[in-house]
Amino acid sequence: MNIARVRWACRRGMLELDVLFQPFVEAQYQELTETDKHTFIRLLECEDPELFAWFMGHEVCPDPTLADMVIKVRGRAIA
């Protein structure tokens, strides 16, 4: 997926997710490995309520690979 499509996919129905995804894409997406880029795209395919629960720490993502990407994105937001 090209960067323009990734940016578009980062536009969510929840402002809280936009605030996490958009800065991450701008600052770090290009530096990710191809595997991590694929994982990030998989993460973007998840539903907003799931993503919100994972990013806010209300639930743990059952997929360990996606859970690691959640940590990466959250780490960027905290830094």
C-alpha atoms as a PDB file:
ATOM      1  CA  MET A   1       0.000   0.000   0.000  1.00  0.00           C
ATOM      2  CA  ASN A   2       1.414   3.384  -0.888  1.00  0.00           C
ATOM      3  CA  ILE A   3       1.874   6.093   1.714  1.00  0.00           C
ATOM      4  CA  ALA A   4      -1.109   8.154   0.528  1.00  0.00           C
ATOM      5  CA  ARG A   5      -3.435   5.192   1.057  1.00  0.00           C
ATOM      6  CA  VAL A   6      -1.906   4.511   4.466  1.00  0.00           C
ATOM      7  CA  ARG A   7      -2.480   8.142   5.461  1.00  0.00           C
ATOM      8  CA  TRP A   8      -6.090   7.883   4.317  1.00  0.00           C
ATOM      9  CA  ALA A   9      -6.596   4.637   6.255  1.00  0.00           C
ATOM     10  CA  CYS A  10      -5.320   6.416   9.391  1.00  0.00           C
ATOM     11  CA  ARG A  11      -8.314   8.739   9.281  1.00  0.00           C
ATOM     12  CA  ARG A  12     -10.636   7.074  11.746  1.00  0.00           C
ATOM     13  CA  GLY A  13     -14.027   7.713  13.236  1.00  0.00           C
ATOM     14  CA  MET A  14     -12.459   8.505  16.606  1.00  0.00           C
ATOM     15  CA  LEU A  15     -10.269  11.518  17.233  1.00  0.00           C
ATOM     16  CA  GLU A  16      -8.308   9.560  19.847  1.00  0.00           C
ATOM     17  CA  LEU A  17      -7.164   7.131  17.139  1.00  0.00           C
ATOM     18  CA  ASP A  18      -6.392   9.898  14.637  1.00  0.00           C
ATOM     19  CA  VAL A  19      -4.118  11.505  17.224  1.00  0.00           C
ATOM     20  CA  LEU A  20      -2.203   8.229  17.552  1.00  0.00           C
ATOM     21  CA  PHE A  21      -2.040   7.047  13.952  1.00  0.00           C
ATOM     22  CA  GLN A  22      -1.392  10.182  11.940  1.00  0.00           C
ATOM     23  CA  PRO A  23       1.765  11.339  13.764  1.00  0.00           C
ATOM     24  CA  PHE A  24       3.092   7.760  13.761  1.00  0.00           C
ATOM     25  CA  VAL A  25       2.681   7.486   9.998  1.00  0.00           C
ATOM     26  CA  GLU A  26       4.314  10.841   9.379  1.00  0.00           C
ATOM     27  CA  ALA A  27       7.282  10.203  11.673  1.00  0.00           C
ATOM     28  CA  GLN A  28       7.932   6.471  11.472  1.00  0.00           C
ATOM     29  CA  TYR A  29       6.028   4.545   8.815  1.00  0.00           C
ATOM     30  CA  GLN A  30       8.712   4.933   6.129  1.00  0.00           C
ATOM     31  CA  GLU A  31      11.362   3.616   8.533  1.00  0.00           C
ATOM     32  CA  LEU A  32       9.469   0.413   9.359  1.00  0.00           C
ATOM     33  CA  THR A  33      10.546  -2.908   7.914  1.00  0.00           C
ATOM     34  CA  GLU A  34       8.290  -4.365   5.227  1.00  0.00           C
ATOM     35  CA  THR A  35       7.006  -6.857   7.786  1.00  0.00           C
ATOM     36  CA  ASP A  36       6.148  -4.066  10.237  1.00  0.00           C
ATOM     37  CA  LYS A  37       4.472  -2.057   7.468  1.00  0.00           C
ATOM     38  CA  HIS A  38       2.294  -5.071   6.693  1.00  0.00           C
ATOM     39  CA  THR A  39       1.493  -5.447  10.403  1.00  0.00           C
ATOM     40  CA  PHE A  40       0.573  -1.763  10.669  1.00  0.00           C
ATOM     41  CA  ILE A  41      -1.763  -2.098   7.707  1.00  0.00           C
ATOM     42  CA  ARG A  42      -3.357  -5.152   9.360  1.00  0.00           C
ATOM     43  CA  LEU A  43      -3.825  -3.044  12.471  1.00  0.00           C
ATOM     44  CA  LEU A  44      -5.595  -0.362  10.427  1.00  0.00           C
ATOM     45  CA  GLU A  45      -8.019  -3.018   9.171  1.00  0.00           C
ATOM     46  CA  CYS A  46      -9.313  -3.579  12.719  1.00  0.00           C
ATOM     47  CA  GLU A  47     -12.496  -1.952  13.954  1.00  0.00           C
ATOM     48  CA  ASP A  48     -12.303   1.332  15.863  1.00  0.00           C
ATOM     49  CA  PRO A  49     -13.819  -0.006  19.123  1.00  0.00           C
ATOM     50  CA  GLU A  50     -11.203  -2.796  19.217  1.00  0.00           C
ATOM     51  CA  LEU A  51      -8.389  -0.368  18.488  1.00  0.00           C
ATOM     52  CA  PHE A  52      -9.622   2.062  21.110  1.00  0.00           C
ATOM     53  CA  ALA A  53      -9.744  -0.688  23.751  1.00  0.00           C
ATOM     54  CA  TRP A  54      -6.225  -1.854  22.881  1.00  0.00           C
ATOM     55  CA  PHE A  55      -4.661   1.594  22.770  1.00  0.00           C
ATOM     56  CA  MET A  56      -6.343   2.771  25.950  1.00  0.00           C
ATOM     57  CA  GLY A  57      -5.297  -0.395  27.773  1.00  0.00           C
ATOM     58  CA  HIS A  58      -8.830  -1.612  28.435  1.00  0.00           C
ATOM     59  CA  GLU A  59      -8.114  -4.881  26.602  1.00  0.00           C
ATOM     60  CA  VAL A  60      -5.066  -6.732  25.329  1.00  0.00           C
ATOM     61  CA  CYS A  61      -4.926  -7.486  21.631  1.00  0.00           C
ATOM     62  CA  PRO A  62      -5.134 -11.275  21.206  1.00  0.00           C
ATOM     63  CA  ASP A  63      -2.736 -11.245  18.231  1.00  0.00           C
ATOM     64  CA  PRO A  64       0.836 -10.873  19.581  1.00  0.00           C
ATOM     65  CA  THR A  65       2.127  -9.282  16.371  1.00  0.00           C
ATOM     66  CA  LEU A  66      -0.602  -6.650  16.385  1.00  0.00           C
ATOM     67  CA  ALA A  67      -0.112  -6.163  20.137  1.00  0.00           C
ATOM     68  CA  ASP A  68       3.566  -5.340  19.489  1.00  0.00           C
ATOM     69  CA  MET A  69       2.540  -2.770  16.874  1.00  0.00           C
ATOM     70  CA  VAL A  70       0.089  -1.217  19.340  1.00  0.00           C
ATOM     71  CA  ILE A  71       3.029  -0.801  21.735  1.00  0.00           C
ATOM     72  CA  LYS A  72       5.148   0.812  18.989  1.00  0.00           C
ATOM     73  CA  VAL A  73       2.432   3.292  18.053  1.00  0.00           C
ATOM     74  CA  ARG A  74       1.677   4.103  21.704  1.00  0.00           C
ATOM     75  CA  GLY A  75       5.395   4.539  22.371  1.00  0.00           C
ATOM     76  CA  ARG A  76       5.588   7.140  19.617  1.00  0.00           C
ATOM     77  CA  ALA A  77       2.654   9.029  21.128  1.00  0.00           C
ATOM     78  CA  ILE A  78       4.250   9.082  24.574  1.00  0.00           C
ATOM     79  CA  ALA A  79       7.701  10.117  23.332  1.00  0.00           C
END
